[in-house]
N, C-alpha and C. Protein backbone atom coordinates (compact mmCIF):
# COMPACT_ATOMS: atom_id res chain seq x y z
N MET A 1 63.82 42.22 116.57
CA MET A 1 63.87 40.96 116.65
C MET A 1 62.72 40.32 117.47
N PHE A 2 62.83 40.82 118.53
CA PHE A 2 61.43 40.61 119.67
C PHE A 2 60.54 41.78 119.42
N SER A 3 59.35 41.23 118.99
CA SER A 3 58.27 42.64 119.32
C SER A 3 57.75 42.71 120.21
N ASN A 4 57.30 44.21 120.84
CA ASN A 4 56.29 44.31 121.87
C ASN A 4 55.02 44.08 121.99
N VAL A 5 54.66 42.87 122.19
CA VAL A 5 53.53 42.20 122.51
C VAL A 5 52.23 43.08 122.95
N PHE A 6 52.79 43.91 124.03
CA PHE A 6 51.75 44.64 124.82
C PHE A 6 51.31 45.80 123.61
N LEU A 7 52.06 46.19 122.73
CA LEU A 7 51.55 47.06 121.93
C LEU A 7 50.53 47.16 120.98
N LEU A 8 50.49 45.45 120.69
CA LEU A 8 49.70 44.89 119.52
C LEU A 8 47.97 45.28 119.79
N ASP A 9 47.29 45.45 118.63
CA ASP A 9 46.08 45.64 119.07
C ASP A 9 45.46 44.42 119.67
N LYS A 10 44.15 44.11 119.97
CA LYS A 10 43.53 43.15 120.53
C LYS A 10 43.03 42.12 119.48
N ASP A 11 42.62 42.64 118.38
CA ASP A 11 42.05 41.59 117.36
C ASP A 11 43.30 41.32 116.18
N PRO A 12 43.39 40.14 116.26
CA PRO A 12 44.49 39.38 115.40
C PRO A 12 44.02 39.43 113.88
N LYS A 13 43.06 39.42 113.43
CA LYS A 13 42.55 39.84 112.14
C LYS A 13 42.89 41.26 111.78
N PHE A 14 43.14 42.11 112.52
CA PHE A 14 43.39 43.78 112.35
C PHE A 14 44.99 43.82 111.96
N SER A 15 45.70 43.41 112.92
CA SER A 15 47.20 43.68 112.78
C SER A 15 47.73 42.42 113.29
N THR A 16 49.26 42.38 112.91
CA THR A 16 50.09 41.22 112.94
C THR A 16 51.49 41.77 113.70
N SER A 17 52.41 40.83 114.23
CA SER A 17 52.95 41.31 115.42
C SER A 17 54.14 42.15 114.50
N HIS A 18 54.33 42.25 113.27
CA HIS A 18 55.21 43.41 112.68
C HIS A 18 54.36 44.51 112.21
N ASP A 19 53.32 44.86 112.67
CA ASP A 19 52.98 46.16 111.61
C ASP A 19 53.21 47.44 112.36
N ILE A 20 53.79 47.30 113.88
CA ILE A 20 54.23 48.56 114.17
C ILE A 20 55.80 48.78 113.64
N LYS A 21 56.37 47.95 113.28
CA LYS A 21 57.70 47.72 112.90
C LYS A 21 57.91 48.33 111.22
N ALA A 22 56.78 47.94 110.65
CA ALA A 22 56.60 48.48 109.34
C ALA A 22 55.99 50.11 109.24
N ALA A 23 55.34 50.21 110.56
CA ALA A 23 54.95 51.55 110.59
C ALA A 23 56.11 52.69 110.97
N GLU A 24 56.91 52.27 111.89
CA GLU A 24 58.41 52.59 112.24
C GLU A 24 59.19 53.12 110.83
N VAL A 25 59.39 51.93 110.20
CA VAL A 25 60.02 52.18 109.15
C VAL A 25 59.39 53.31 107.97
N ILE A 26 58.09 53.14 107.80
CA ILE A 26 57.70 54.15 107.03
C ILE A 26 58.01 55.44 107.60
N ALA A 27 57.69 55.65 109.01
CA ALA A 27 57.85 56.99 109.77
C ALA A 27 59.20 57.50 109.43
N TYR A 28 60.03 56.51 109.83
CA TYR A 28 61.38 57.03 109.45
C TYR A 28 61.81 57.38 108.00
N ASP A 29 61.05 56.82 107.24
CA ASP A 29 61.45 57.24 106.09
C ASP A 29 60.78 58.57 105.57
N LEU A 30 59.70 58.88 105.94
CA LEU A 30 58.93 60.09 105.73
C LEU A 30 59.69 61.38 106.32
N VAL A 31 60.22 60.92 107.86
CA VAL A 31 60.81 62.10 108.22
C VAL A 31 62.11 62.05 107.59
N THR A 32 62.65 61.22 107.20
CA THR A 32 64.07 61.89 106.44
C THR A 32 63.88 62.38 105.21
N LYS A 33 62.80 62.32 104.56
CA LYS A 33 62.47 62.85 103.41
C LYS A 33 62.16 64.36 103.63
N PHE A 34 61.27 64.37 104.70
CA PHE A 34 60.96 65.82 105.19
C PHE A 34 62.24 66.70 105.61
N TYR A 35 63.35 66.08 106.33
CA TYR A 35 64.56 66.60 106.39
C TYR A 35 65.24 67.14 105.41
N ALA A 36 65.32 66.05 104.58
CA ALA A 36 66.20 66.24 103.28
C ALA A 36 65.60 67.65 102.62
N THR A 37 64.28 67.58 102.44
CA THR A 37 63.65 68.84 101.91
C THR A 37 63.99 69.85 102.53
N GLU A 38 63.73 69.92 103.93
CA GLU A 38 64.17 71.37 104.53
C GLU A 38 65.37 71.69 104.63
N LEU A 39 66.43 70.83 104.25
CA LEU A 39 67.73 71.19 104.28
C LEU A 39 68.38 71.68 103.19
N LEU A 40 67.45 71.29 101.98
CA LEU A 40 67.62 71.94 100.46
C LEU A 40 67.21 73.20 100.60
N ILE A 41 66.07 73.35 101.22
CA ILE A 41 65.12 74.74 101.42
C ILE A 41 65.92 75.79 101.95
N LEU A 42 67.03 75.15 103.01
CA LEU A 42 67.95 76.20 103.95
C LEU A 42 68.96 76.67 102.71
N LYS A 43 69.66 75.61 102.36
CA LYS A 43 70.69 75.82 101.69
C LYS A 43 70.44 76.76 100.47
N GLN A 44 69.14 76.54 99.59
CA GLN A 44 68.87 77.59 98.96
C GLN A 44 68.50 78.88 99.24
N GLU A 45 68.44 78.99 100.74
CA GLU A 45 68.12 80.25 101.24
C GLU A 45 69.28 81.00 101.23
N ASP A 46 70.33 80.21 101.99
CA ASP A 46 71.80 80.93 101.88
C ASP A 46 72.12 81.19 100.79
N LYS A 47 72.18 80.61 99.63
CA LYS A 47 72.81 80.75 98.67
C LYS A 47 72.21 82.20 98.01
N ASN A 48 70.83 82.54 98.27
CA ASN A 48 70.16 83.75 97.88
C ASN A 48 70.31 84.74 98.67
N ARG A 49 71.01 84.64 100.01
CA ARG A 49 70.92 85.70 100.93
C ARG A 49 72.21 86.54 100.52
N LYS A 50 72.11 88.02 100.54
CA LYS A 50 73.19 88.64 100.33
C LYS A 50 73.49 89.74 101.40
N VAL A 51 74.63 89.60 101.74
CA VAL A 51 74.99 90.44 103.04
C VAL A 51 75.47 91.54 102.51
N LYS A 52 74.87 92.94 103.14
CA LYS A 52 75.29 94.08 102.67
C LYS A 52 76.06 94.52 103.66
N GLU A 53 77.16 95.27 102.95
CA GLU A 53 78.33 95.34 103.94
C GLU A 53 78.18 97.08 104.32
N VAL A 54 78.26 97.14 105.48
CA VAL A 54 77.93 98.34 106.14
C VAL A 54 79.21 98.93 107.09
N LYS A 55 79.61 100.39 106.71
CA LYS A 55 80.85 100.97 107.26
C LYS A 55 80.28 101.62 108.30
N PRO A 56 80.95 101.59 109.65
CA PRO A 56 80.65 102.47 110.76
C PRO A 56 80.67 103.87 110.42
N PRO A 57 79.48 104.48 111.01
CA PRO A 57 79.58 105.97 110.67
C PRO A 57 80.80 106.76 110.75
N ILE A 58 81.38 106.42 111.80
CA ILE A 58 82.82 107.16 112.02
C ILE A 58 83.64 107.18 110.83
N LEU A 59 83.46 106.17 109.85
CA LEU A 59 84.53 106.13 108.87
C LEU A 59 84.06 106.67 107.63
N GLU A 60 82.80 107.42 107.69
CA GLU A 60 81.91 107.95 106.47
C GLU A 60 82.82 109.26 105.89
N ASP A 61 83.30 110.14 106.57
CA ASP A 61 83.89 111.08 106.11
C ASP A 61 85.16 111.64 106.42
N LEU A 62 86.08 110.59 106.61
CA LEU A 62 87.32 110.55 107.04
C LEU A 62 87.98 110.66 105.26
N GLN A 63 89.07 111.77 105.03
CA GLN A 63 89.69 111.80 103.77
C GLN A 63 91.17 112.37 103.91
N TRP A 64 91.83 111.44 103.14
CA TRP A 64 93.53 111.73 103.28
C TRP A 64 93.58 112.87 102.47
N THR A 65 94.08 113.87 103.02
CA THR A 65 94.22 115.17 102.24
C THR A 65 95.69 115.56 101.77
N GLY A 66 96.77 114.57 102.40
CA GLY A 66 97.94 114.64 101.74
C GLY A 66 98.30 113.59 100.45
N THR A 67 99.81 113.76 99.93
CA THR A 67 99.47 113.03 98.91
C THR A 67 99.69 111.72 98.91
N LYS A 68 99.77 110.89 98.25
CA LYS A 68 99.94 109.30 98.28
C LYS A 68 101.16 108.83 98.63
N THR A 69 102.33 109.69 98.16
CA THR A 69 103.56 109.39 98.80
C THR A 69 104.00 109.59 99.88
N GLU A 70 102.98 110.55 100.45
CA GLU A 70 103.18 111.14 102.09
C GLU A 70 102.60 109.95 102.94
N LEU A 71 101.38 109.31 102.42
CA LEU A 71 100.84 108.36 103.22
C LEU A 71 101.66 107.03 103.05
N THR A 72 102.20 106.76 102.29
CA THR A 72 103.24 105.69 102.00
C THR A 72 104.25 105.63 102.63
N GLU A 73 104.96 106.89 102.85
CA GLU A 73 106.01 107.13 103.53
C GLU A 73 105.88 106.95 105.34
N LEU A 74 104.42 107.46 105.35
CA LEU A 74 103.96 107.37 106.75
C LEU A 74 103.84 105.65 107.12
N LEU A 75 103.11 104.98 106.13
CA LEU A 75 103.24 103.55 106.74
C LEU A 75 104.32 102.72 106.95
N TYR A 76 105.57 103.29 105.76
CA TYR A 76 106.74 102.68 106.17
C TYR A 76 107.38 103.05 107.26
N GLY A 77 107.18 104.27 107.87
CA GLY A 77 107.90 104.86 109.00
C GLY A 77 106.98 104.28 110.24
N LEU A 78 106.06 104.01 110.29
CA LEU A 78 105.47 103.58 111.45
C LEU A 78 105.60 101.93 111.41
N ASN A 79 105.88 101.34 110.43
CA ASN A 79 106.21 99.96 110.38
C ASN A 79 107.75 99.76 110.78
N ALA A 80 108.51 100.75 110.16
CA ALA A 80 109.81 100.66 110.77
C ALA A 80 110.50 100.91 112.18
N ALA A 81 109.31 101.99 112.59
CA ALA A 81 109.45 102.20 114.20
C ALA A 81 108.79 101.06 114.94
N GLY A 82 108.46 100.42 114.38
CA GLY A 82 107.70 99.05 115.04
C GLY A 82 106.28 99.38 116.06
N ALA A 83 105.89 100.52 115.42
CA ALA A 83 104.77 100.89 115.89
C ALA A 83 103.32 100.13 115.78
N ILE A 84 103.55 99.08 114.70
CA ILE A 84 102.29 98.30 114.51
C ILE A 84 102.88 96.87 114.23
N ARG A 85 102.40 95.82 115.05
CA ARG A 85 102.85 94.63 115.05
C ARG A 85 104.55 94.31 115.48
N ASN A 86 104.96 95.43 116.19
CA ASN A 86 106.25 95.14 116.29
C ASN A 86 107.29 95.25 115.01
N GLY A 87 106.92 96.33 114.14
CA GLY A 87 107.57 96.29 113.04
C GLY A 87 107.12 94.93 112.00
N GLU A 88 106.68 94.24 112.39
CA GLU A 88 106.26 92.81 111.42
C GLU A 88 105.22 92.60 110.71
N ALA A 89 104.40 93.98 110.54
CA ALA A 89 103.05 94.16 109.82
C ALA A 89 103.43 94.04 108.31
N GLU A 90 102.45 93.15 107.77
CA GLU A 90 102.72 93.18 106.17
C GLU A 90 102.28 94.68 105.79
N MET A 91 103.02 95.13 104.78
CA MET A 91 102.62 96.57 104.26
C MET A 91 101.44 96.32 103.20
N LYS A 92 101.20 95.16 102.63
CA LYS A 92 100.03 94.92 101.69
C LYS A 92 98.83 95.19 102.75
N LYS A 93 98.73 94.54 104.09
CA LYS A 93 97.54 94.80 104.82
C LYS A 93 97.37 96.12 105.29
N LEU A 94 98.35 96.89 105.48
CA LEU A 94 98.35 98.37 105.71
C LEU A 94 97.86 99.26 104.89
N VAL A 95 98.34 98.86 103.59
CA VAL A 95 97.54 99.64 102.52
C VAL A 95 96.22 99.26 102.35
N LEU A 96 95.72 97.91 102.47
CA LEU A 96 94.49 97.83 102.36
C LEU A 96 93.67 98.36 103.62
N VAL A 97 94.03 98.56 104.89
CA VAL A 97 93.77 99.43 105.53
C VAL A 97 93.28 100.70 105.52
N CYS A 98 94.36 101.31 104.99
CA CYS A 98 94.31 102.73 104.13
C CYS A 98 93.10 102.81 103.49
N LYS A 99 93.22 101.76 102.51
CA LYS A 99 92.13 101.89 101.38
C LYS A 99 90.74 102.08 101.76
N GLU A 100 90.82 101.29 103.07
CA GLU A 100 89.28 100.93 103.57
C GLU A 100 88.87 102.05 104.14
N LEU A 101 90.23 102.80 104.95
CA LEU A 101 89.88 104.03 106.03
C LEU A 101 89.53 105.35 105.14
N PHE A 102 90.44 105.56 104.25
CA PHE A 102 90.39 106.71 103.38
C PHE A 102 89.75 106.82 102.29
N ASN A 103 89.33 105.41 101.83
CA ASN A 103 88.89 105.55 100.48
C ASN A 103 89.94 105.73 99.21
N LEU A 104 90.95 104.97 99.47
CA LEU A 104 92.22 105.86 98.65
C LEU A 104 92.87 104.62 98.27
N ASP A 105 93.03 104.74 96.74
CA ASP A 105 94.02 103.54 96.17
C ASP A 105 95.45 104.22 96.21
N LEU A 106 96.46 103.47 96.83
CA LEU A 106 97.73 103.63 97.12
C LEU A 106 98.44 103.43 95.83
N GLY A 107 98.10 102.42 95.06
CA GLY A 107 98.50 101.83 93.92
C GLY A 107 99.73 100.90 94.44
N ASN A 108 101.32 100.91 93.39
CA ASN A 108 102.15 100.33 93.94
C ASN A 108 103.15 101.24 94.90
N ILE A 109 102.91 100.67 95.99
CA ILE A 109 103.49 101.37 97.01
C ILE A 109 105.00 101.24 97.33
N TYR A 110 105.46 99.99 96.55
CA TYR A 110 106.88 99.45 96.66
C TYR A 110 107.78 100.49 95.56
N LYS A 111 107.19 100.98 94.60
CA LYS A 111 107.72 101.80 93.54
C LYS A 111 107.65 103.30 94.25
N THR A 112 106.66 103.43 94.70
CA THR A 112 106.38 104.76 95.30
C THR A 112 107.55 105.23 96.32
N TYR A 113 107.57 104.13 97.00
CA TYR A 113 108.67 104.41 98.27
C TYR A 113 110.12 104.41 97.57
N SER A 114 110.33 103.71 96.56
CA SER A 114 111.62 103.70 95.97
C SER A 114 112.01 104.61 95.09
């Protein structure tokens, strides 16, 4: 609305009262385009970034040497005894932990247990 007359150049033939506002609008437009381009580049880098899953070294050589049935019964026993989450642990989660820990697929544990 009111332009800052102190910032105007001394020569009225060279600048007008709205040159500064026009320059600000152009500058904001250029900054907006720059940030939009940088944001697009960051999103593309995020899509192309691959995360490599690394197991801790302590889990590398663990192997279950018993049968799958024994491990299934052990999991049910631990859950029934309330040793894991006071007996409220989901069997699916326990199976996934054992699969990751021992690199062993237990299959259908419900059928194995019954």
